[in-house]
Amino acid sequence: MLDQIVLLAAVTVLGLLEQAYFSLQVIYARRKYAVSPPATSGPPEFERIFRAQANCSEYFPIFVFSLWLAGVFFSQVLAVIFGLLYLYGRFRYFHGYAESSKGRLEPLYFSAKMQWVLIALAGLGIICTLTQVYLGLDLLHTFSHVLGLTEQT
């Protein structure tokens, strides 16, 4: 069982470390720009870093749920690939936003696309599992045959 989820767990830990890194960047920015908690406004440089971290934190639960659902119900390998791409996009987003508000756009769109792929894989995997359990139809196996990914039996 653990071999079926260990890669998902590794990407989740990597995501947690990324979130911790973003939080540390806000702490460093507070010190650098003399913005004491609970204040959330200050120089534009601080506000961009603060907002980038807050935005990444807001989307993190959606990422984790879609990663795990896609990995468990569709494919651990595909979920991990798109999960890593999402985390890479978020890293670029954070640093792009820290430099300028326009610097966030390209990585934002990229990570959003990766997120939607994870959501689609999760949804497709769940639908295929429901049809297999309740209707006896193995749609994933059928799709694999249609696409030529497996041999006909």
N, C-alpha and C. Protein backbone atom coordinates (compact mmCIF):
# COMPACT_ATOMS: atom_id res chain seq x y z
N MET A 1 0.82 -1.21 0.00
CA MET A 1 0.00 0.00 0.00
C MET A 1 0.86 1.26 0.00
N LEU A 2 1.89 1.30 0.84
CA LEU A 2 2.70 2.52 0.93
C LEU A 2 3.41 2.84 -0.37
N ASP A 3 3.77 1.81 -1.15
CA ASP A 3 4.43 2.07 -2.43
C ASP A 3 3.49 2.77 -3.40
N GLN A 4 2.18 2.68 -3.17
CA GLN A 4 1.20 3.32 -4.03
C GLN A 4 0.96 4.79 -3.68
N ILE A 5 1.50 5.24 -2.53
CA ILE A 5 1.29 6.64 -2.13
C ILE A 5 2.56 7.37 -1.71
N VAL A 6 3.68 6.67 -1.70
CA VAL A 6 4.91 7.29 -1.18
C VAL A 6 5.34 8.50 -2.00
N LEU A 7 5.15 8.46 -3.31
CA LEU A 7 5.52 9.62 -4.13
C LEU A 7 4.60 10.81 -3.86
N LEU A 8 3.32 10.51 -3.64
CA LEU A 8 2.38 11.58 -3.27
C LEU A 8 2.79 12.22 -1.95
N ALA A 9 3.19 11.38 -1.00
CA ALA A 9 3.63 11.89 0.30
C ALA A 9 4.88 12.75 0.15
N ALA A 10 5.81 12.32 -0.71
CA ALA A 10 7.04 13.09 -0.92
C ALA A 10 6.74 14.46 -1.51
N VAL A 11 5.84 14.53 -2.49
CA VAL A 11 5.48 15.81 -3.09
C VAL A 11 4.74 16.68 -2.07
N THR A 12 3.93 16.06 -1.22
CA THR A 12 3.24 16.82 -0.17
C THR A 12 4.24 17.45 0.79
N VAL A 13 5.24 16.69 1.20
CA VAL A 13 6.27 17.23 2.10
C VAL A 13 7.03 18.35 1.39
N LEU A 14 7.33 18.17 0.13
CA LEU A 14 8.00 19.23 -0.62
C LEU A 14 7.13 20.49 -0.65
N GLY A 15 5.84 20.32 -0.84
CA GLY A 15 4.91 21.45 -0.81
C GLY A 15 4.88 22.13 0.55
N LEU A 16 4.92 21.33 1.61
CA LEU A 16 4.95 21.90 2.96
C LEU A 16 6.23 22.71 3.18
N LEU A 17 7.34 22.18 2.71
CA LEU A 17 8.61 22.92 2.83
C LEU A 17 8.56 24.21 2.03
N GLU A 18 7.93 24.17 0.86
CA GLU A 18 7.79 25.38 0.06
C GLU A 18 6.96 26.42 0.80
N GLN A 19 5.86 25.99 1.42
CA GLN A 19 5.01 26.91 2.19
C GLN A 19 5.80 27.51 3.36
N ALA A 20 6.61 26.70 4.02
CA ALA A 20 7.43 27.20 5.13
C ALA A 20 8.43 28.22 4.62
N TYR A 21 9.03 27.95 3.47
CA TYR A 21 9.98 28.89 2.86
C TYR A 21 9.29 30.23 2.57
N PHE A 22 8.08 30.18 1.99
CA PHE A 22 7.35 31.41 1.70
C PHE A 22 7.08 32.19 2.98
N SER A 23 6.70 31.48 4.04
CA SER A 23 6.43 32.14 5.33
C SER A 23 7.69 32.80 5.88
N LEU A 24 8.81 32.12 5.75
CA LEU A 24 10.07 32.70 6.21
C LEU A 24 10.42 33.96 5.42
N GLN A 25 10.09 33.98 4.14
CA GLN A 25 10.36 35.16 3.34
C GLN A 25 9.56 36.37 3.83
N VAL A 26 8.35 36.12 4.32
CA VAL A 26 7.54 37.22 4.89
C VAL A 26 8.19 37.71 6.18
N ILE A 27 8.70 36.80 7.01
CA ILE A 27 9.37 37.19 8.25
C ILE A 27 10.59 38.06 7.92
N TYR A 28 11.39 37.62 6.94
CA TYR A 28 12.57 38.40 6.56
C TYR A 28 12.17 39.76 5.99
N ALA A 29 11.10 39.79 5.21
CA ALA A 29 10.63 41.06 4.64
C ALA A 29 10.12 41.99 5.74
N ARG A 30 9.45 41.44 6.75
CA ARG A 30 9.00 42.27 7.88
C ARG A 30 10.20 42.95 8.54
N ARG A 31 11.26 42.19 8.75
CA ARG A 31 12.46 42.76 9.36
C ARG A 31 13.11 43.80 8.44
N LYS A 32 13.24 43.45 7.18
CA LYS A 32 13.92 44.33 6.22
C LYS A 32 13.19 45.66 6.06
N TYR A 33 11.84 45.62 6.01
CA TYR A 33 11.04 46.82 5.74
C TYR A 33 10.38 47.38 7.00
N ALA A 34 10.75 46.84 8.17
CA ALA A 34 10.26 47.32 9.47
C ALA A 34 8.73 47.36 9.53
N VAL A 35 8.12 46.23 9.19
CA VAL A 35 6.66 46.09 9.27
C VAL A 35 6.37 45.08 10.37
N SER A 36 5.93 45.59 11.52
CA SER A 36 5.68 44.73 12.67
C SER A 36 4.29 44.11 12.60
N PRO A 37 4.16 42.85 13.02
CA PRO A 37 2.83 42.24 13.09
C PRO A 37 1.97 43.01 14.08
N PRO A 38 0.71 43.12 13.90
CA PRO A 38 -0.12 42.44 12.91
C PRO A 38 -0.28 43.22 11.61
N ALA A 39 0.49 44.27 11.41
CA ALA A 39 0.36 45.08 10.19
C ALA A 39 0.61 44.23 8.94
N THR A 40 -0.18 44.49 7.92
CA THR A 40 -0.02 43.78 6.65
C THR A 40 0.23 44.75 5.50
N SER A 41 0.42 46.00 5.85
CA SER A 41 0.72 46.98 4.81
C SER A 41 2.04 47.66 5.15
N GLY A 42 2.67 48.15 4.12
CA GLY A 42 3.96 48.80 4.26
C GLY A 42 4.45 49.17 2.89
N PRO A 43 5.74 49.17 2.70
CA PRO A 43 6.28 49.48 1.37
C PRO A 43 5.77 48.45 0.34
N PRO A 44 5.65 48.86 -0.91
CA PRO A 44 5.15 47.94 -1.95
C PRO A 44 5.96 46.64 -2.02
N GLU A 45 7.26 46.70 -1.75
CA GLU A 45 8.09 45.50 -1.79
C GLU A 45 7.63 44.48 -0.75
N PHE A 46 7.32 44.98 0.45
CA PHE A 46 6.80 44.09 1.49
C PHE A 46 5.43 43.55 1.12
N GLU A 47 4.55 44.43 0.66
CA GLU A 47 3.18 44.02 0.36
C GLU A 47 3.12 42.96 -0.73
N ARG A 48 4.01 43.03 -1.72
CA ARG A 48 4.03 42.00 -2.77
C ARG A 48 4.46 40.65 -2.20
N ILE A 49 5.48 40.65 -1.34
CA ILE A 49 5.93 39.40 -0.72
C ILE A 49 4.83 38.84 0.18
N PHE A 50 4.21 39.69 0.97
CA PHE A 50 3.13 39.25 1.86
C PHE A 50 1.97 38.67 1.06
N ARG A 51 1.58 39.36 0.00
CA ARG A 51 0.45 38.91 -0.82
C ARG A 51 0.77 37.60 -1.55
N ALA A 52 2.00 37.48 -2.05
CA ALA A 52 2.40 36.24 -2.73
C ALA A 52 2.31 35.06 -1.78
N GLN A 53 2.80 35.25 -0.56
CA GLN A 53 2.74 34.16 0.43
C GLN A 53 1.29 33.84 0.78
N ALA A 54 0.48 34.85 0.99
CA ALA A 54 -0.93 34.63 1.34
C ALA A 54 -1.65 33.90 0.21
N ASN A 55 -1.40 34.30 -1.02
CA ASN A 55 -2.05 33.65 -2.16
C ASN A 55 -1.64 32.18 -2.26
N CYS A 56 -0.36 31.91 -2.10
CA CYS A 56 0.11 30.52 -2.15
C CYS A 56 -0.52 29.69 -1.03
N SER A 57 -0.65 30.27 0.14
CA SER A 57 -1.28 29.56 1.27
C SER A 57 -2.76 29.30 1.01
N GLU A 58 -3.44 30.25 0.37
CA GLU A 58 -4.86 30.09 0.09
C GLU A 58 -5.12 28.93 -0.85
N TYR A 59 -4.23 28.70 -1.80
CA TYR A 59 -4.42 27.65 -2.79
C TYR A 59 -3.83 26.31 -2.38
N PHE A 60 -3.03 26.29 -1.32
CA PHE A 60 -2.36 25.05 -0.93
C PHE A 60 -3.33 23.92 -0.59
N PRO A 61 -4.41 24.15 0.16
CA PRO A 61 -5.33 23.03 0.43
C PRO A 61 -5.95 22.44 -0.84
N ILE A 62 -6.28 23.29 -1.81
CA ILE A 62 -6.83 22.81 -3.08
C ILE A 62 -5.80 21.93 -3.78
N PHE A 63 -4.54 22.37 -3.75
CA PHE A 63 -3.46 21.59 -4.36
C PHE A 63 -3.33 20.23 -3.69
N VAL A 64 -3.27 20.20 -2.38
CA VAL A 64 -3.04 18.94 -1.66
C VAL A 64 -4.19 17.96 -1.91
N PHE A 65 -5.42 18.43 -1.81
CA PHE A 65 -6.56 17.53 -2.05
C PHE A 65 -6.56 17.01 -3.48
N SER A 66 -6.35 17.88 -4.46
CA SER A 66 -6.38 17.42 -5.85
C SER A 66 -5.21 16.50 -6.16
N LEU A 67 -4.04 16.77 -5.58
CA LEU A 67 -2.88 15.89 -5.75
C LEU A 67 -3.20 14.48 -5.27
N TRP A 68 -3.70 14.38 -4.05
CA TRP A 68 -3.98 13.06 -3.47
C TRP A 68 -5.13 12.34 -4.17
N LEU A 69 -6.18 13.06 -4.50
CA LEU A 69 -7.29 12.42 -5.19
C LEU A 69 -6.87 11.93 -6.58
N ALA A 70 -6.11 12.74 -7.30
CA ALA A 70 -5.61 12.33 -8.62
C ALA A 70 -4.67 11.13 -8.49
N GLY A 71 -3.83 11.15 -7.47
CA GLY A 71 -2.87 10.07 -7.27
C GLY A 71 -3.49 8.76 -6.85
N VAL A 72 -4.48 8.82 -6.00
CA VAL A 72 -5.13 7.61 -5.50
C VAL A 72 -6.10 7.04 -6.53
N PHE A 73 -6.88 7.89 -7.17
CA PHE A 73 -7.94 7.40 -8.05
C PHE A 73 -7.54 7.33 -9.53
N PHE A 74 -6.48 8.03 -9.94
CA PHE A 74 -6.10 8.00 -11.35
C PHE A 74 -4.71 7.40 -11.54
N SER A 75 -3.67 8.17 -11.19
CA SER A 75 -2.30 7.69 -11.37
C SER A 75 -1.37 8.46 -10.44
N GLN A 76 -0.67 7.71 -9.58
CA GLN A 76 0.28 8.35 -8.68
C GLN A 76 1.36 9.08 -9.49
N VAL A 77 1.87 8.45 -10.53
CA VAL A 77 2.97 9.04 -11.32
C VAL A 77 2.53 10.34 -11.99
N LEU A 78 1.37 10.32 -12.65
CA LEU A 78 0.89 11.54 -13.31
C LEU A 78 0.60 12.64 -12.29
N ALA A 79 0.01 12.28 -11.17
CA ALA A 79 -0.28 13.27 -10.14
C ALA A 79 1.02 13.89 -9.62
N VAL A 80 2.03 13.09 -9.44
CA VAL A 80 3.32 13.60 -8.96
C VAL A 80 3.96 14.52 -9.99
N ILE A 81 3.91 14.15 -11.25
CA ILE A 81 4.50 15.00 -12.30
C ILE A 81 3.81 16.36 -12.32
N PHE A 82 2.48 16.36 -12.35
CA PHE A 82 1.76 17.63 -12.39
C PHE A 82 1.86 18.37 -11.05
N GLY A 83 1.99 17.64 -9.96
CA GLY A 83 2.19 18.26 -8.66
C GLY A 83 3.52 18.98 -8.58
N LEU A 84 4.57 18.34 -9.08
CA LEU A 84 5.89 18.99 -9.09
C LEU A 84 5.89 20.22 -10.00
N LEU A 85 5.22 20.11 -11.14
CA LEU A 85 5.12 21.27 -12.02
C LEU A 85 4.35 22.41 -11.35
N TYR A 86 3.30 22.07 -10.61
CA TYR A 86 2.55 23.09 -9.87
C TYR A 86 3.45 23.79 -8.85
N LEU A 87 4.20 23.00 -8.08
CA LEU A 87 5.08 23.59 -7.06
C LEU A 87 6.15 24.47 -7.70
N TYR A 88 6.68 24.03 -8.83
CA TYR A 88 7.65 24.85 -9.56
C TYR A 88 7.01 26.17 -9.99
N GLY A 89 5.80 26.09 -10.52
CA GLY A 89 5.09 27.30 -10.93
C GLY A 89 4.84 28.24 -9.76
N ARG A 90 4.49 27.69 -8.62
CA ARG A 90 4.25 28.52 -7.43
C ARG A 90 5.54 29.18 -6.94
N PHE A 91 6.65 28.46 -7.04
CA PHE A 91 7.94 29.03 -6.65
C PHE A 91 8.27 30.22 -7.56
N ARG A 92 8.09 30.02 -8.87
CA ARG A 92 8.32 31.12 -9.82
C ARG A 92 7.34 32.26 -9.57
N TYR A 93 6.08 31.93 -9.27
CA TYR A 93 5.06 32.94 -8.97
C TYR A 93 5.51 33.80 -7.79
N PHE A 94 5.92 33.14 -6.70
CA PHE A 94 6.32 33.87 -5.50
C PHE A 94 7.45 34.85 -5.81
N HIS A 95 8.47 34.37 -6.47
CA HIS A 95 9.62 35.25 -6.75
C HIS A 95 9.31 36.29 -7.81
N GLY A 96 8.47 35.94 -8.76
CA GLY A 96 8.06 36.92 -9.76
C GLY A 96 7.25 38.04 -9.13
N TYR A 97 6.35 37.68 -8.23
CA TYR A 97 5.52 38.67 -7.55
C TYR A 97 6.37 39.54 -6.62
N ALA A 98 7.35 38.94 -5.98
CA ALA A 98 8.22 39.71 -5.08
C ALA A 98 8.95 40.81 -5.84
N GLU A 99 9.25 40.55 -7.11
CA GLU A 99 9.96 41.56 -7.92
C GLU A 99 9.02 42.60 -8.50
N SER A 100 7.85 42.18 -9.01
CA SER A 100 6.88 43.12 -9.57
C SER A 100 5.54 42.41 -9.68
N SER A 101 4.47 43.19 -9.63
CA SER A 101 3.15 42.57 -9.71
C SER A 101 2.93 41.91 -11.07
N LYS A 102 3.53 42.43 -12.12
CA LYS A 102 3.41 41.81 -13.44
C LYS A 102 4.21 40.51 -13.52
N GLY A 103 5.26 40.40 -12.71
CA GLY A 103 6.11 39.21 -12.71
C GLY A 103 5.40 37.96 -12.24
N ARG A 104 4.24 38.12 -11.65
CA ARG A 104 3.50 36.97 -11.13
C ARG A 104 2.63 36.31 -12.20
N LEU A 105 2.32 37.02 -13.27
CA LEU A 105 1.27 36.57 -14.19
C LEU A 105 1.59 35.26 -14.92
N GLU A 106 2.71 35.19 -15.60
CA GLU A 106 3.04 33.97 -16.36
C GLU A 106 3.08 32.74 -15.45
N PRO A 107 3.81 32.79 -14.31
CA PRO A 107 3.81 31.61 -13.44
C PRO A 107 2.45 31.34 -12.80
N LEU A 108 1.66 32.38 -12.59
CA LEU A 108 0.31 32.18 -12.05
C LEU A 108 -0.54 31.37 -13.02
N TYR A 109 -0.51 31.74 -14.29
CA TYR A 109 -1.27 31.02 -15.31
C TYR A 109 -0.76 29.58 -15.45
N PHE A 110 0.55 29.41 -15.41
CA PHE A 110 1.13 28.07 -15.52
C PHE A 110 0.68 27.19 -14.36
N SER A 111 0.82 27.68 -13.13
CA SER A 111 0.44 26.86 -11.97
C SER A 111 -1.07 26.61 -11.95
N ALA A 112 -1.87 27.57 -12.43
CA ALA A 112 -3.32 27.35 -12.50
C ALA A 112 -3.64 26.22 -13.48
N LYS A 113 -2.94 26.17 -14.59
CA LYS A 113 -3.16 25.08 -15.56
C LYS A 113 -2.81 23.73 -14.94
N MET A 114 -1.70 23.67 -14.20
CA MET A 114 -1.30 22.42 -13.55
C MET A 114 -2.34 22.01 -12.50
N GLN A 115 -2.87 23.01 -11.79
CA GLN A 115 -3.91 22.73 -10.79
C GLN A 115 -5.15 22.15 -11.45
N TRP A 116 -5.57 22.73 -12.57
CA TRP A 116 -6.76 22.24 -13.27
C TRP A 116 -6.55 20.84 -13.82
N VAL A 117 -5.33 20.54 -14.26
CA VAL A 117 -5.05 19.17 -14.71
C VAL A 117 -5.21 18.20 -13.55
N LEU A 118 -4.69 18.55 -12.38
CA LEU A 118 -4.85 17.68 -11.21
C LEU A 118 -6.33 17.49 -10.86
N ILE A 119 -7.09 18.55 -10.91
CA ILE A 119 -8.52 18.46 -10.61
C ILE A 119 -9.21 17.56 -11.64
N ALA A 120 -8.85 17.70 -12.92
CA ALA A 120 -9.45 16.87 -13.97
C ALA A 120 -9.08 15.41 -13.78
N LEU A 121 -7.81 15.13 -13.48
CA LEU A 121 -7.40 13.75 -13.24
C LEU A 121 -8.13 13.15 -12.04
N ALA A 122 -8.28 13.95 -10.98
CA ALA A 122 -9.01 13.47 -9.81
C ALA A 122 -10.46 13.16 -10.17
N GLY A 123 -11.10 14.07 -10.86
CA GLY A 123 -12.50 13.86 -11.25
C GLY A 123 -12.66 12.66 -12.15
N LEU A 124 -11.80 12.53 -13.15
CA LEU A 124 -11.87 11.40 -14.06
C LEU A 124 -11.62 10.08 -13.32
N GLY A 125 -10.64 10.09 -12.44
CA GLY A 125 -10.35 8.89 -11.66
C GLY A 125 -11.51 8.47 -10.78
N ILE A 126 -12.15 9.43 -10.17
CA ILE A 126 -13.29 9.13 -9.30
C ILE A 126 -14.47 8.61 -10.13
N ILE A 127 -14.73 9.25 -11.26
CA ILE A 127 -15.82 8.79 -12.14
C ILE A 127 -15.55 7.36 -12.61
N CYS A 128 -14.34 7.09 -13.03
CA CYS A 128 -13.99 5.74 -13.49
C CYS A 128 -14.12 4.71 -12.36
N THR A 129 -13.72 5.08 -11.17
CA THR A 129 -13.85 4.17 -10.03
C THR A 129 -15.32 3.92 -9.70
N LEU A 130 -16.13 4.98 -9.73
CA LEU A 130 -17.57 4.81 -9.47
C LEU A 130 -18.21 3.89 -10.49
N THR A 131 -17.87 4.07 -11.77
CA THR A 131 -18.47 3.22 -12.80
C THR A 131 -18.00 1.78 -12.67
N GLN A 132 -16.75 1.59 -12.23
CA GLN A 132 -16.25 0.22 -12.05
C GLN A 132 -16.94 -0.45 -10.86
N VAL A 133 -17.05 0.27 -9.76
CA VAL A 133 -17.62 -0.32 -8.55
C VAL A 133 -19.12 -0.55 -8.69
N TYR A 134 -19.83 0.42 -9.25
CA TYR A 134 -21.30 0.34 -9.26
C TYR A 134 -21.91 -0.15 -10.57
N LEU A 135 -21.15 -0.05 -11.68
CA LEU A 135 -21.70 -0.48 -12.96
C LEU A 135 -20.90 -1.62 -13.59
N GLY A 136 -19.77 -1.94 -13.00
CA GLY A 136 -18.95 -3.01 -13.54
C GLY A 136 -18.20 -2.63 -14.81
N LEU A 137 -18.11 -1.35 -15.11
CA LEU A 137 -17.40 -0.87 -16.30
C LEU A 137 -16.03 -0.34 -15.91
N ASP A 138 -14.99 -0.88 -16.52
CA ASP A 138 -13.63 -0.41 -16.24
C ASP A 138 -13.23 0.59 -17.32
N LEU A 139 -13.64 1.85 -17.13
CA LEU A 139 -13.41 2.88 -18.13
C LEU A 139 -11.92 3.17 -18.36
N LEU A 140 -11.12 3.14 -17.30
CA LEU A 140 -9.68 3.40 -17.47
C LEU A 140 -9.07 2.34 -18.36
N HIS A 141 -9.45 1.09 -18.14
CA HIS A 141 -8.93 0.00 -18.96
C HIS A 141 -9.40 0.17 -20.41
N THR A 142 -10.66 0.54 -20.59
CA THR A 142 -11.22 0.77 -21.92
C THR A 142 -10.51 1.91 -22.63
N PHE A 143 -10.29 3.03 -21.92
CA PHE A 143 -9.57 4.17 -22.50
C PHE A 143 -8.15 3.76 -22.91
N SER A 144 -7.51 2.95 -22.09
CA SER A 144 -6.16 2.49 -22.40
C SER A 144 -6.14 1.69 -23.69
N HIS A 145 -7.15 0.84 -23.90
CA HIS A 145 -7.24 0.06 -25.15
C HIS A 145 -7.47 0.98 -26.34
N VAL A 146 -8.39 1.92 -26.19
CA VAL A 146 -8.72 2.84 -27.29
C VAL A 146 -7.48 3.65 -27.70
N LEU A 147 -6.72 4.07 -26.70
CA LEU A 147 -5.52 4.87 -26.99
C LEU A 147 -4.32 4.03 -27.37
N GLY A 148 -4.47 2.71 -27.31
CA GLY A 148 -3.37 1.82 -27.67
C GLY A 148 -2.29 1.74 -26.62
N LEU A 149 -2.63 2.03 -25.37
CA LEU A 149 -1.64 2.02 -24.29
C LEU A 149 -1.45 0.63 -23.69
N THR A 150 -2.45 -0.27 -23.90
CA THR A 150 -2.35 -1.64 -23.40
C THR A 150 -2.75 -2.59 -24.52
N GLU A 151 -2.34 -3.85 -24.36
CA GLU A 151 -2.70 -4.86 -25.34
C GLU A 151 -4.14 -5.30 -25.14
N GLN A 152 -4.80 -5.65 -26.21
CA GLN A 152 -6.16 -6.18 -26.15
C GLN A 152 -6.11 -7.57 -25.53
N THR A 153 -7.07 -7.89 -24.68
CA THR A 153 -7.14 -9.23 -24.09
C THR A 153 -8.44 -9.90 -24.43
